[in-house]
Amino acid sequence: MNTSKGLLMVSCAGICWATTGLFGTFLFNEGVDPINIASARNTLATLLFLGFLLTAHRDKLIVGKKQLALLAMGGLTGIAIFNVFYLSAIDLAGMSTAVILLYTAPVFAVIMSRLFLGELLTGLKVAALVIAFSGVVLVVEAFNIMALIHEPQAALMGLGAGFFFATLSVFGKYLTGTSHRLTTSFYLIFTGSIFLALIRPPWLGIMEVLNYPHLIAAFIALVIISTFASHFLYIYGLSYLEAGKASIAVAIEPPAALFLAFIFLGERLSIIQYFGVALVLTAVIMLKIRLGKSA
């Protein structure tokens, strides 16, 4: 097994995911609707993925009815609803805060795994939950009542993004043993794009972007790099790497996103918020190291 190649591909996938906030911010600063963009980006990424499978892996398009039902549920929560919450959080709170709130996802995953998969809630997991919660309180400045009153929707959107992103872990537990990873990845994006299209037709986002020619490049990058390439690299990285090690490697996303926000958007956090960032990342690393040991 080419572990080095797998680590490189999964790490690159994390960096690709990290660009979501960067390209999204360019669009939202011009008043482009986040939900329109969510629908358009996933529809176009689905078409790219479909073209790839039709060209090289047609057999991976075959899926059973029971699997499709589970994939549809995962697509609804982990792709469609997640996109609405995450892009709205970026629009309301900025890239830095949104990405940190998103990375409460492993905490939610631990809780859901205990409730729905019967996984043990160990002392390490409890400690990680406490540390992550404390970090979130500092990041969203929950100790500042006026800040919460001013932007409660932003905090809820960010935490909601973390929750719904975590649902992918639950559905993934059921699906990875019965479906090829390419099949699972494609149908999650495909069904997610259908649900988003029911909320907002994808052409609305495309037409909206076309009204701002200087944003077309950012939108194309959001589709190709942040959506299609991230899934593609992650899935192929898993073919060379154990899932536990992959989950550790992809943790490069939050610091990469913060770095991009600092360099290209000039976003700054307060010292207290940086401390909150450190706590959240500490909790994520604790959980992922544990996953790596059990892989």
C-alpha atoms as a PDB file:
ATOM      1  CA  MET A   1       0.000   0.000   0.000  1.00  0.00           C
ATOM      2  CA  ASN A   2       1.440   3.359  -1.077  1.00  0.00           C
ATOM      3  CA  THR A   3       0.811   5.212   2.187  1.00  0.00           C
ATOM      4  CA  SER A   4       2.757   8.324   1.204  1.00  0.00           C
ATOM      5  CA  LYS A   5       0.713   8.758  -1.966  1.00  0.00           C
ATOM      6  CA  GLY A   6      -2.505   8.289   0.000  1.00  0.00           C
ATOM      7  CA  LEU A   7      -1.496  10.851   2.614  1.00  0.00           C
ATOM      8  CA  LEU A   8      -0.623  13.370  -0.107  1.00  0.00           C
ATOM      9  CA  MET A   9      -3.935  12.916  -1.928  1.00  0.00           C
ATOM     10  CA  VAL A  10      -6.053  13.161   1.223  1.00  0.00           C
ATOM     11  CA  SER A  11      -4.128  16.206   2.438  1.00  0.00           C
ATOM     12  CA  CYS A  12      -4.681  17.848  -0.944  1.00  0.00           C
ATOM     13  CA  ALA A  13      -8.386  17.047  -0.605  1.00  0.00           C
ATOM     14  CA  GLY A  14      -8.437  18.892   2.725  1.00  0.00           C
ATOM     15  CA  ILE A  15      -6.767  21.915   1.165  1.00  0.00           C
ATOM     16  CA  CYS A  16      -9.302  21.845  -1.686  1.00  0.00           C
ATOM     17  CA  TRP A  17     -12.157  21.784   0.826  1.00  0.00           C
ATOM     18  CA  ALA A  18     -10.526  24.708   2.626  1.00  0.00           C
ATOM     19  CA  THR A  19     -10.934  26.898  -0.469  1.00  0.00           C
ATOM     20  CA  THR A  20     -14.738  26.760  -0.147  1.00  0.00           C
ATOM     21  CA  GLY A  21     -14.777  29.706   2.236  1.00  0.00           C
ATOM     22  CA  LEU A  22     -12.319  31.707   0.138  1.00  0.00           C
ATOM     23  CA  PHE A  23     -14.154  31.438  -3.172  1.00  0.00           C
ATOM     24  CA  GLY A  24     -17.529  31.652  -1.432  1.00  0.00           C
ATOM     25  CA  THR A  25     -16.574  34.916   0.261  1.00  0.00           C
ATOM     26  CA  PHE A  26     -15.642  36.498  -3.078  1.00  0.00           C
ATOM     27  CA  LEU A  27     -19.153  35.656  -4.319  1.00  0.00           C
ATOM     28  CA  PHE A  28     -21.057  36.643  -1.192  1.00  0.00           C
ATOM     29  CA  ASN A  29     -19.313  40.011  -0.923  1.00  0.00           C
ATOM     30  CA  GLU A  30     -21.065  40.928  -4.152  1.00  0.00           C
ATOM     31  CA  GLY A  31     -24.442  39.919  -2.755  1.00  0.00           C
ATOM     32  CA  VAL A  32     -24.727  36.542  -4.506  1.00  0.00           C
ATOM     33  CA  ASP A  33     -27.206  34.283  -2.698  1.00  0.00           C
ATOM     34  CA  PRO A  34     -25.494  31.413  -0.790  1.00  0.00           C
ATOM     35  CA  ILE A  35     -28.306  28.916  -1.401  1.00  0.00           C
ATOM     36  CA  ASN A  36     -28.285  29.633  -5.152  1.00  0.00           C
ATOM     37  CA  ILE A  37     -24.546  28.985  -5.174  1.00  0.00           C
ATOM     38  CA  ALA A  38     -24.940  25.788  -3.125  1.00  0.00           C
ATOM     39  CA  SER A  39     -27.418  24.399  -5.658  1.00  0.00           C
ATOM     40  CA  ALA A  40     -25.384  25.433  -8.698  1.00  0.00           C
ATOM     41  CA  ARG A  41     -22.012  24.188  -7.396  1.00  0.00           C
ATOM     42  CA  ASN A  42     -23.293  20.729  -6.498  1.00  0.00           C
ATOM     43  CA  THR A  43     -25.238  20.284  -9.731  1.00  0.00           C
ATOM     44  CA  LEU A  44     -22.218  21.159 -11.856  1.00  0.00           C
ATOM     45  CA  ALA A  45     -19.925  19.010  -9.685  1.00  0.00           C
ATOM     46  CA  THR A  46     -22.373  16.117 -10.133  1.00  0.00           C
ATOM     47  CA  LEU A  47     -22.201  16.513 -13.912  1.00  0.00           C
ATOM     48  CA  LEU A  48     -18.386  16.490 -13.775  1.00  0.00           C
ATOM     49  CA  PHE A  49     -18.443  13.372 -11.601  1.00  0.00           C
ATOM     50  CA  LEU A  50     -20.975  11.697 -13.902  1.00  0.00           C
ATOM     51  CA  GLY A  51     -18.811  12.441 -16.927  1.00  0.00           C
ATOM     52  CA  PHE A  52     -15.810  10.897 -15.180  1.00  0.00           C
ATOM     53  CA  LEU A  53     -17.708   7.727 -14.239  1.00  0.00           C
ATOM     54  CA  LEU A  54     -19.245   7.333 -17.709  1.00  0.00           C
ATOM     55  CA  THR A  55     -15.771   7.608 -19.204  1.00  0.00           C
ATOM     56  CA  ALA A  56     -13.795   5.373 -16.861  1.00  0.00           C
ATOM     57  CA  HIS A  57     -16.019   3.548 -14.343  1.00  0.00           C
ATOM     58  CA  ARG A  58     -19.524   2.929 -15.731  1.00  0.00           C
ATOM     59  CA  ASP A  59     -19.993  -0.098 -13.493  1.00  0.00           C
ATOM     60  CA  LYS A  60     -19.768   2.177 -10.425  1.00  0.00           C
ATOM     61  CA  LEU A  61     -23.095   3.788 -11.399  1.00  0.00           C
ATOM     62  CA  ILE A  62     -24.977   0.594 -10.481  1.00  0.00           C
ATOM     63  CA  VAL A  63     -26.572   0.772  -7.037  1.00  0.00           C
ATOM     64  CA  GLY A  64     -29.275  -1.185  -5.171  1.00  0.00           C
ATOM     65  CA  LYS A  65     -32.601   0.311  -4.076  1.00  0.00           C
ATOM     66  CA  LYS A  66     -31.840   0.016  -0.349  1.00  0.00           C
ATOM     67  CA  GLN A  67     -28.424   1.592  -0.833  1.00  0.00           C
ATOM     68  CA  LEU A  68     -29.941   4.379  -2.916  1.00  0.00           C
ATOM     69  CA  ALA A  69     -32.449   5.166  -0.167  1.00  0.00           C
ATOM     70  CA  LEU A  70     -29.650   5.491   2.401  1.00  0.00           C
ATOM     71  CA  LEU A  71     -27.548   7.524  -0.022  1.00  0.00           C
ATOM     72  CA  ALA A  72     -30.500   9.845  -0.575  1.00  0.00           C
ATOM     73  CA  MET A  73     -30.843  10.397   3.166  1.00  0.00           C
ATOM     74  CA  GLY A  74     -27.116  11.085   3.412  1.00  0.00           C
ATOM     75  CA  GLY A  75     -27.299  13.414   0.420  1.00  0.00           C
ATOM     76  CA  LEU A  76     -30.165  15.351   2.008  1.00  0.00           C
ATOM     77  CA  THR A  77     -28.486  15.918   5.363  1.00  0.00           C
ATOM     78  CA  GLY A  78     -24.754  15.736   4.619  1.00  0.00           C
ATOM     79  CA  ILE A  79     -24.741  17.520   1.259  1.00  0.00           C
ATOM     80  CA  ALA A  80     -27.902  19.593   0.735  1.00  0.00           C
ATOM     81  CA  ILE A  81     -28.689  20.889   4.230  1.00  0.00           C
ATOM     82  CA  PHE A  82     -24.982  21.093   5.103  1.00  0.00           C
ATOM     83  CA  ASN A  83     -24.291  23.323   2.090  1.00  0.00           C
ATOM     84  CA  VAL A  84     -27.133  25.672   2.998  1.00  0.00           C
ATOM     85  CA  PHE A  85     -25.893  26.019   6.583  1.00  0.00           C
ATOM     86  CA  TYR A  86     -22.168  26.258   5.809  1.00  0.00           C
ATOM     87  CA  LEU A  87     -22.361  28.785   2.971  1.00  0.00           C
ATOM     88  CA  SER A  88     -24.858  30.844   4.990  1.00  0.00           C
ATOM     89  CA  ALA A  89     -22.441  30.798   7.947  1.00  0.00           C
ATOM     90  CA  ILE A  90     -19.622  32.044   5.712  1.00  0.00           C
ATOM     91  CA  ASP A  91     -21.884  34.809   4.438  1.00  0.00           C
ATOM     92  CA  LEU A  92     -22.994  35.861   7.940  1.00  0.00           C
ATOM     93  CA  ALA A  93     -19.906  35.284  10.085  1.00  0.00           C
ATOM     94  CA  GLY A  94     -16.956  35.251   7.713  1.00  0.00           C
ATOM     95  CA  MET A  95     -14.713  32.413   6.618  1.00  0.00           C
ATOM     96  CA  SER A  96     -12.614  32.069   9.777  1.00  0.00           C
ATOM     97  CA  THR A  97     -15.471  31.690  12.259  1.00  0.00           C
ATOM     98  CA  ALA A  98     -17.502  29.494   9.901  1.00  0.00           C
ATOM     99  CA  VAL A  99     -14.724  26.960   9.354  1.00  0.00           C
ATOM    100  CA  ILE A 100     -14.026  26.617  13.075  1.00  0.00           C
ATOM    101  CA  LEU A 101     -17.708  26.089  13.856  1.00  0.00           C
ATOM    102  CA  LEU A 102     -17.836  23.537  11.037  1.00  0.00           C
ATOM    103  CA  TYR A 103     -15.068  21.558  12.717  1.00  0.00           C
ATOM    104  CA  THR A 104     -17.313  20.761  15.638  1.00  0.00           C
ATOM    105  CA  ALA A 105     -18.459  17.997  13.251  1.00  0.00           C
ATOM    106  CA  PRO A 106     -16.272  15.277  14.870  1.00  0.00           C
ATOM    107  CA  VAL A 107     -17.902  16.066  18.213  1.00  0.00           C
ATOM    108  CA  PHE A 108     -21.379  15.606  16.773  1.00  0.00           C
ATOM    109  CA  ALA A 109     -20.143  12.461  15.021  1.00  0.00           C
ATOM    110  CA  VAL A 110     -19.068  10.964  18.360  1.00  0.00           C
ATOM    111  CA  ILE A 111     -22.492  11.591  19.862  1.00  0.00           C
ATOM    112  CA  MET A 112     -24.389  10.231  16.845  1.00  0.00           C
ATOM    113  CA  SER A 113     -22.140   7.198  16.627  1.00  0.00           C
ATOM    114  CA  ARG A 114     -22.981   6.408  20.245  1.00  0.00           C
ATOM    115  CA  LEU A 115     -26.725   6.870  19.711  1.00  0.00           C
ATOM    116  CA  PHE A 116     -27.132   5.170  16.332  1.00  0.00           C
ATOM    117  CA  LEU A 117     -24.131   2.859  15.955  1.00  0.00           C
ATOM    118  CA  GLY A 118     -23.622   1.783  19.545  1.00  0.00           C
ATOM    119  CA  GLU A 119     -19.999   2.971  19.704  1.00  0.00           C
ATOM    120  CA  LEU A 120     -18.506   3.432  23.163  1.00  0.00           C
ATOM    121  CA  LEU A 121     -18.326   6.915  24.679  1.00  0.00           C
ATOM    122  CA  THR A 122     -14.837   6.735  26.196  1.00  0.00           C
ATOM    123  CA  GLY A 123     -13.161   9.121  28.624  1.00  0.00           C
ATOM    124  CA  LEU A 124     -11.078  10.515  25.778  1.00  0.00           C
ATOM    125  CA  LYS A 125     -14.188  11.274  23.753  1.00  0.00           C
ATOM    126  CA  VAL A 126     -15.857  12.989  26.710  1.00  0.00           C
ATOM    127  CA  ALA A 127     -12.739  15.102  27.286  1.00  0.00           C
ATOM    128  CA  ALA A 128     -12.697  16.064  23.605  1.00  0.00           C
ATOM    129  CA  LEU A 129     -16.372  17.052  23.770  1.00  0.00           C
ATOM    130  CA  VAL A 130     -15.741  19.352  26.743  1.00  0.00           C
ATOM    131  CA  ILE A 131     -12.664  20.935  25.144  1.00  0.00           C
ATOM    132  CA  ALA A 132     -14.402  21.470  21.810  1.00  0.00           C
ATOM    133  CA  PHE A 133     -17.484  22.999  23.456  1.00  0.00           C
ATOM    134  CA  SER A 134     -15.272  25.383  25.427  1.00  0.00           C
ATOM    135  CA  GLY A 135     -13.491  26.366  22.214  1.00  0.00           C
ATOM    136  CA  VAL A 136     -16.762  27.041  20.424  1.00  0.00           C
ATOM    137  CA  VAL A 137     -17.913  29.262  23.294  1.00  0.00           C
ATOM    138  CA  LEU A 138     -14.757  31.357  22.857  1.00  0.00           C
ATOM    139  CA  VAL A 139     -14.897  31.459  19.051  1.00  0.00           C
ATOM    140  CA  VAL A 140     -18.489  32.695  18.920  1.00  0.00           C
ATOM    141  CA  GLU A 141     -17.870  34.859  22.015  1.00  0.00           C
ATOM    142  CA  ALA A 142     -20.782  33.273  23.839  1.00  0.00           C
ATOM    143  CA  PHE A 143     -19.527  34.983  26.997  1.00  0.00           C
ATOM    144  CA  ASN A 144     -20.444  38.280  25.308  1.00  0.00           C
ATOM    145  CA  ILE A 145     -24.240  38.517  25.503  1.00  0.00           C
ATOM    146  CA  MET A 146     -24.343  41.444  23.088  1.00  0.00           C
ATOM    147  CA  ALA A 147     -22.347  39.497  20.488  1.00  0.00           C
ATOM    148  CA  LEU A 148     -24.796  36.596  20.665  1.00  0.00           C
ATOM    149  CA  ILE A 149     -27.770  38.931  20.370  1.00  0.00           C
ATOM    150  CA  HIS A 150     -26.111  40.635  17.402  1.00  0.00           C
ATOM    151  CA  GLU A 151     -25.296  37.482  15.404  1.00  0.00           C
ATOM    152  CA  PRO A 152     -27.136  34.462  16.838  1.00  0.00           C
ATOM    153  CA  GLN A 153     -28.070  33.240  13.351  1.00  0.00           C
ATOM    154  CA  ALA A 154     -24.420  33.085  12.292  1.00  0.00           C
ATOM    155  CA  ALA A 155     -23.529  30.892  15.284  1.00  0.00           C
ATOM    156  CA  LEU A 156     -26.499  28.601  14.692  1.00  0.00           C
ATOM    157  CA  MET A 157     -25.663  28.261  10.995  1.00  0.00           C
ATOM    158  CA  GLY A 158     -22.044  27.365  11.764  1.00  0.00           C
ATOM    159  CA  LEU A 159     -22.955  24.802  14.409  1.00  0.00           C
ATOM    160  CA  GLY A 160     -25.682  23.429  12.136  1.00  0.00           C
ATOM    161  CA  ALA A 161     -23.097  22.966   9.390  1.00  0.00           C
ATOM    162  CA  GLY A 162     -20.960  20.932  11.797  1.00  0.00           C
ATOM    163  CA  PHE A 163     -23.936  18.798  12.814  1.00  0.00           C
ATOM    164  CA  PHE A 164     -25.137  18.008   9.305  1.00  0.00           C
ATOM    165  CA  PHE A 165     -21.615  17.386   8.012  1.00  0.00           C
ATOM    166  CA  ALA A 166     -21.259  14.812  10.802  1.00  0.00           C
ATOM    167  CA  THR A 167     -24.258  12.861   9.492  1.00  0.00           C
ATOM    168  CA  LEU A 168     -22.075  11.734   6.590  1.00  0.00           C
ATOM    169  CA  SER A 169     -20.047   9.671   9.078  1.00  0.00           C
ATOM    170  CA  VAL A 170     -23.135   7.823  10.261  1.00  0.00           C
ATOM    171  CA  PHE A 171     -24.356   7.014   6.768  1.00  0.00           C
ATOM    172  CA  GLY A 172     -20.812   6.195   5.683  1.00  0.00           C
ATOM    173  CA  LYS A 173     -20.583   3.476   8.348  1.00  0.00           C
ATOM    174  CA  TYR A 174     -23.504   1.682   6.715  1.00  0.00           C
ATOM    175  CA  LEU A 175     -22.552   2.261   3.100  1.00  0.00           C
ATOM    176  CA  THR A 176     -18.796   1.729   2.797  1.00  0.00           C
ATOM    177  CA  GLY A 177     -19.146  -1.982   3.442  1.00  0.00           C
ATOM    178  CA  THR A 178     -21.725  -2.501   0.695  1.00  0.00           C
ATOM    179  CA  SER A 179     -20.890   0.064  -2.013  1.00  0.00           C
ATOM    180  CA  HIS A 180     -17.707   1.099  -3.781  1.00  0.00           C
ATOM    181  CA  ARG A 181     -16.373   4.415  -2.501  1.00  0.00           C
ATOM    182  CA  LEU A 182     -16.778   6.026  -5.926  1.00  0.00           C
ATOM    183  CA  THR A 183     -20.412   4.898  -6.034  1.00  0.00           C
ATOM    184  CA  THR A 184     -21.058   6.216  -2.542  1.00  0.00           C
ATOM    185  CA  SER A 185     -19.381   9.546  -3.214  1.00  0.00           C
ATOM    186  CA  PHE A 186     -21.160  10.127  -6.524  1.00  0.00           C
ATOM    187  CA  TYR A 187     -24.651   9.300  -5.291  1.00  0.00           C
ATOM    188  CA  LEU A 188     -24.243  11.417  -2.156  1.00  0.00           C
ATOM    189  CA  ILE A 189     -23.412  14.445  -4.319  1.00  0.00           C
ATOM    190  CA  PHE A 190     -26.046  13.496  -6.895  1.00  0.00           C
ATOM    191  CA  THR A 191     -28.919  13.111  -4.443  1.00  0.00           C
ATOM    192  CA  GLY A 192     -27.772  16.168  -2.516  1.00  0.00           C
ATOM    193  CA  SER A 193     -27.851  18.243  -5.690  1.00  0.00           C
ATOM    194  CA  ILE A 194     -31.403  17.060  -6.417  1.00  0.00           C
ATOM    195  CA  PHE A 195     -32.632  18.200  -2.999  1.00  0.00           C
ATOM    196  CA  LEU A 196     -30.867  21.541  -3.418  1.00  0.00           C
ATOM    197  CA  ALA A 197     -32.419  21.931  -6.880  1.00  0.00           C
ATOM    198  CA  LEU A 198     -35.861  21.512  -5.314  1.00  0.00           C
ATOM    199  CA  ILE A 199     -35.062  24.411  -2.989  1.00  0.00           C
ATOM    200  CA  ARG A 200     -33.392  26.584  -5.630  1.00  0.00           C
ATOM    201  CA  PRO A 201     -33.041  25.622  -9.297  1.00  0.00           C
ATOM    202  CA  PRO A 202     -29.293  25.491 -10.119  1.00  0.00           C
ATOM    203  CA  TRP A 203     -29.623  27.828 -13.073  1.00  0.00           C
ATOM    204  CA  LEU A 204     -30.532  30.677 -10.704  1.00  0.00           C
ATOM    205  CA  GLY A 205     -27.042  30.560  -9.205  1.00  0.00           C
ATOM    206  CA  ILE A 206     -25.423  30.262 -12.630  1.00  0.00           C
ATOM    207  CA  MET A 207     -27.387  33.230 -14.010  1.00  0.00           C
ATOM    208  CA  GLU A 208     -26.621  35.259 -10.895  1.00  0.00           C
ATOM    209  CA  VAL A 209     -22.887  34.697 -11.297  1.00  0.00           C
ATOM    210  CA  LEU A 210     -23.048  35.566 -14.996  1.00  0.00           C
ATOM    211  CA  ASN A 211     -24.273  39.032 -13.960  1.00  0.00           C
ATOM    212  CA  TYR A 212     -20.833  39.552 -12.403  1.00  0.00           C
ATOM    213  CA  PRO A 213     -18.215  38.542 -15.015  1.00  0.00           C
ATOM    214  CA  HIS A 214     -15.369  39.125 -12.548  1.00  0.00           C
ATOM    215  CA  LEU A 215     -16.834  36.390 -10.304  1.00  0.00           C
ATOM    216  CA  ILE A 216     -17.001  33.654 -12.936  1.00  0.00           C
ATOM    217  CA  ALA A 217     -13.466  32.423 -12.207  1.00  0.00           C
ATOM    218  CA  ALA A 218     -14.199  32.170  -8.460  1.00  0.00           C
ATOM    219  CA  PHE A 219     -17.392  30.229  -9.160  1.00  0.00           C
ATOM    220  CA  ILE A 220     -15.671  27.815 -11.547  1.00  0.00           C
ATOM    221  CA  ALA A 221     -12.944  27.270  -8.943  1.00  0.00           C
ATOM    222  CA  LEU A 222     -15.630  26.611  -6.296  1.00  0.00           C
ATOM    223  CA  VAL A 223     -17.143  23.895  -8.502  1.00  0.00           C
ATOM    224  CA  ILE A 224     -13.929  22.258  -9.731  1.00  0.00           C
ATOM    225  CA  ILE A 225     -11.551  22.686  -6.774  1.00  0.00           C
ATOM    226  CA  SER A 226     -13.759  23.001  -3.691  1.00  0.00           C
ATOM    227  CA  THR A 227     -16.400  20.439  -4.684  1.00  0.00           C
ATOM    228  CA  PHE A 228     -15.371  17.994  -7.422  1.00  0.00           C
ATOM    229  CA  ALA A 229     -11.595  17.794  -6.852  1.00  0.00           C
ATOM    230  CA  SER A 230     -11.927  17.547  -3.061  1.00  0.00           C
ATOM    231  CA  HIS A 231     -14.228  14.513  -3.286  1.00  0.00           C
ATOM    232  CA  PHE A 232     -12.204  12.962  -6.095  1.00  0.00           C
ATOM    233  CA  LEU A 233      -8.874  13.261  -4.266  1.00  0.00           C
ATOM    234  CA  TYR A 234     -10.297  12.069  -0.958  1.00  0.00           C
ATOM    235  CA  ILE A 235     -11.917   8.972  -2.425  1.00  0.00           C
ATOM    236  CA  TYR A 236      -8.808   7.984  -4.365  1.00  0.00           C
ATOM    237  CA  GLY A 237      -6.599   8.735  -1.362  1.00  0.00           C
ATOM    238  CA  LEU A 238      -8.613   6.205   0.616  1.00  0.00           C
ATOM    239  CA  SER A 239      -7.640   3.508  -1.891  1.00  0.00           C
ATOM    240  CA  TYR A 240      -4.031   3.878  -0.661  1.00  0.00           C
ATOM    241  CA  LEU A 241      -4.714   4.700   2.981  1.00  0.00           C
ATOM    242  CA  GLU A 242      -6.634   3.346   5.961  1.00  0.00           C
ATOM    243  CA  ALA A 243      -9.720   5.391   6.833  1.00  0.00           C
ATOM    244  CA  GLY A 244      -8.337   6.306  10.263  1.00  0.00           C
ATOM    245  CA  LYS A 245      -5.126   7.750   8.839  1.00  0.00           C
ATOM    246  CA  ALA A 246      -7.123   9.572   6.153  1.00  0.00           C
ATOM    247  CA  SER A 247      -9.260  11.270   8.795  1.00  0.00           C
ATOM    248  CA  ILE A 248      -6.082  12.558  10.443  1.00  0.00           C
ATOM    249  CA  ALA A 249      -4.602  13.836   7.175  1.00  0.00           C
ATOM    250  CA  VAL A 250      -7.761  15.686   6.139  1.00  0.00           C
ATOM    251  CA  ALA A 251      -7.604  17.659   9.420  1.00  0.00           C
ATOM    252  CA  ILE A 252      -5.300  20.009   7.513  1.00  0.00           C
ATOM    253  CA  GLU A 253      -8.469  21.760   6.274  1.00  0.00           C
ATOM    254  CA  PRO A 254      -9.232  24.148   9.185  1.00  0.00           C
ATOM    255  CA  PRO A 255      -5.720  25.609   9.544  1.00  0.00           C
ATOM    256  CA  ALA A 256      -5.505  25.857   5.751  1.00  0.00           C
ATOM    257  CA  ALA A 257      -8.815  27.726   5.635  1.00  0.00           C
ATOM    258  CA  LEU A 258      -7.712  30.117   8.370  1.00  0.00           C
ATOM    259  CA  PHE A 259      -4.431  30.723   6.544  1.00  0.00           C
ATOM    260  CA  LEU A 260      -6.291  31.503   3.305  1.00  0.00           C
ATOM    261  CA  ALA A 261      -8.640  33.865   5.157  1.00  0.00           C
ATOM    262  CA  PHE A 262      -5.662  35.629   6.722  1.00  0.00           C
ATOM    263  CA  ILE A 263      -3.702  35.992   3.452  1.00  0.00           C
ATOM    264  CA  PHE A 264      -6.444  36.757   0.915  1.00  0.00           C
ATOM    265  CA  LEU A 265      -9.307  38.200   2.963  1.00  0.00           C
ATOM    266  CA  GLY A 266      -7.448  39.956   5.765  1.00  0.00           C
ATOM    267  CA  GLU A 267      -9.667  38.295   8.383  1.00  0.00           C
ATOM    268  CA  ARG A 268      -8.361  38.549  11.925  1.00  0.00           C
ATOM    269  CA  LEU A 269      -9.488  36.876  15.135  1.00  0.00           C
ATOM    270  CA  SER A 270      -9.097  38.208  18.644  1.00  0.00           C
ATOM    271  CA  ILE A 271      -6.620  36.560  21.034  1.00  0.00           C
ATOM    272  CA  ILE A 272      -9.524  34.914  22.871  1.00  0.00           C
ATOM    273  CA  GLN A 273     -10.939  33.591  19.601  1.00  0.00           C
ATOM    274  CA  TYR A 274      -7.526  32.212  18.589  1.00  0.00           C
ATOM    275  CA  PHE A 275      -7.443  30.397  21.924  1.00  0.00           C
ATOM    276  CA  GLY A 276     -10.886  28.997  21.108  1.00  0.00           C
ATOM    277  CA  VAL A 277      -9.543  27.866  17.716  1.00  0.00           C
ATOM    278  CA  ALA A 278      -6.698  26.060  19.480  1.00  0.00           C
ATOM    279  CA  LEU A 279      -9.151  24.279  21.794  1.00  0.00           C
ATOM    280  CA  VAL A 280     -11.393  23.120  18.941  1.00  0.00           C
ATOM    281  CA  LEU A 281      -8.426  21.869  16.914  1.00  0.00           C
ATOM    282  CA  THR A 282      -7.060  20.114  20.009  1.00  0.00           C
ATOM    283  CA  ALA A 283     -10.353  18.259  20.416  1.00  0.00           C
ATOM    284  CA  VAL A 284     -10.424  17.321  16.734  1.00  0.00           C
ATOM    285  CA  ILE A 285      -6.839  16.018  16.855  1.00  0.00           C
ATOM    286  CA  MET A 286      -7.601  14.004  20.001  1.00  0.00           C
ATOM    287  CA  LEU A 287     -10.528  12.301  18.299  1.00  0.00           C
ATOM    288  CA  LYS A 288      -8.699  11.711  15.044  1.00  0.00           C
ATOM    289  CA  ILE A 289      -5.626  10.249  16.716  1.00  0.00           C
ATOM    290  CA  ARG A 290      -7.940   7.875  18.520  1.00  0.00           C
ATOM    291  CA  LEU A 291      -9.568   6.940  15.214  1.00  0.00           C
ATOM    292  CA  GLY A 292      -6.131   6.412  13.710  1.00  0.00           C
ATOM    293  CA  LYS A 293      -5.150   4.008  16.470  1.00  0.00           C
ATOM    294  CA  SER A 294      -8.333   1.998  16.001  1.00  0.00           C
ATOM    295  CA  ALA A 295      -8.110   1.877  12.186  1.00  0.00           C
END
